[in-house]
Protein backbone atom coordinates (compact mmCIF):
# COMPACT_ATOMS: atom_id res chain seq x y z
CA MET A 1 4.10 6.41 -1.97
CA PRO A 2 7.68 5.79 -3.43
CA ARG A 3 9.38 7.72 -1.63
CA VAL A 4 7.86 6.85 1.06
CA ARG A 5 8.97 3.11 0.53
CA GLU A 6 12.16 4.22 -0.31
CA LEU A 7 12.58 6.09 2.95
CA ALA A 8 11.48 3.07 4.87
CA ARG A 9 13.69 0.79 3.19
CA THR A 10 17.02 3.06 3.91
CA THR A 11 16.37 3.98 7.23
CA GLN A 12 15.72 2.40 10.24
CA GLU A 13 12.15 4.87 11.60
CA THR A 14 10.02 6.67 9.26
CA TYR A 15 7.47 9.30 10.00
CA VAL A 16 4.72 10.49 7.92
CA PHE A 17 2.85 13.83 8.90
CA PHE A 18 -0.45 14.98 8.26
CA ASN A 19 -1.82 18.33 8.49
CA ASN A 20 -4.42 18.44 10.84
CA HIS A 21 -6.45 21.47 10.44
CA TYR A 22 -10.20 22.27 11.28
CA PRO A 23 -12.37 18.60 10.44
CA GLY A 24 -9.37 16.99 12.44
CA LYS A 25 -8.73 14.99 9.17
CA ALA A 26 -5.32 13.76 10.32
CA GLY A 27 -6.07 10.40 11.94
CA LYS A 28 -8.48 9.49 9.56
CA ASN A 29 -5.76 10.66 6.57
CA ALA A 30 -3.63 8.44 8.75
CA GLN A 31 -5.17 5.11 8.62
CA MET A 32 -6.10 5.41 5.09
CA PHE A 33 -2.73 5.76 4.40
CA THR A 34 -1.53 3.54 6.21
CA GLN A 35 -3.95 0.84 4.57
CA LEU A 36 -2.58 2.13 1.15
CA PHE A 37 0.81 1.91 1.93
CA LEU A 38 0.98 -1.67 3.44
CA SER A 39 -0.93 -2.82 0.36
CA LEU A 40 1.35 -1.94 -1.84
CA PRO A 41 3.66 -4.45 -3.25
CA GLU A 42 7.40 -4.07 -2.73
């Protein structure tokens, strides 16, 4: 998370990609990541 936070601070837009393998968990993983990312202190 610290690397993503630093990128978000230094760029106008930041994208994170998730591997959508056969069970199709990319959407759920992206939601979980967003919740974790937003809950961390800056």
